[in-house]
Amino acid sequence: MTIKRYLALAMFCFFTQAFAAQSDDQEGKLAEPADKKNDFANLIYSDVGIDHSMLTLGIGYGLYFDVEAIQRRLLLFADYALPIASLDIRDFRVRTGIRTSAIEIGSFYVPVWLSFSVNGAQNKIFRATGLGSELGIAPGYYGRVFAAASELYCDQTWAAYLKHSQAYRDLFYANAKDGWYSMPSTSFRAGLYLAWNIHKRFTLGFKGGYQQMGQYNKLIPPIYGTLHTEFSF
């Protein structure tokens, strides 16, 4: 058999398996939203890429549980992220939240989530710790093998604790006071989520799109994009 025939046979087998899996009944789905994914109780996930205009690495854990009163499966999650360039644990984001599906019609789902975060940053001028929240929605098709959805979410920072360095006081303002400051800022994102379930336990996906960060868009590109992985057990 020639190389061309081998390649043709391999391509035929791949697409046959993919379409056969896609047409199976809905029980035991592989590409459903996080709150409905299989019968596994645990989830480990990661994100690597441009997040809030920085190259970051994030890793998280999720726990599924059923709520009979609303007939929904919920996902409690928590994650930690830091910039790849510096890998400085003083620059970080810790986030925790909850996710579920608001609407389920066949393979069409509308996952929604709410999270709260603590963000940290430090340099020679100051150390800052911010408190924020995020509200998101990702309606789309979540099939057995593939998933394609839009995602919209709002990231809100409410307040920050600032501790000024001596260098700041020497160079800028000698009477600077440390403490909590009301520093509200809002960023919006609109993008796509694409995923391929390589195995019933493993998902490989991509998230990317446009982000609106107000006046900061003049200084940094208004885009985001991350490689997303999930492992269920």
Foldseek 3Di string as FASTA:
>chain_A
DDPVVVVVVVVVVVVVVVVVQQPDDPQQAQQAPPQPQHPFFKKKKWKAWQDPQAGKIKIKMWGWDADVVVRWIKIWMWMKMAGPVPPDSQFIKIKIWMKIWPDDDGQWTKIKIKMKMWGWDDDQFKTKIWIKMKIKIWTWGGTRFKTKTKMKMKIKIFKMWIDGHVVNLVPPNVPDDTGMDGDIFMKMWIWMKIWGRPDSFKIKIKTKGFMDGDPCCVPGPRMIMIIMMMGTD
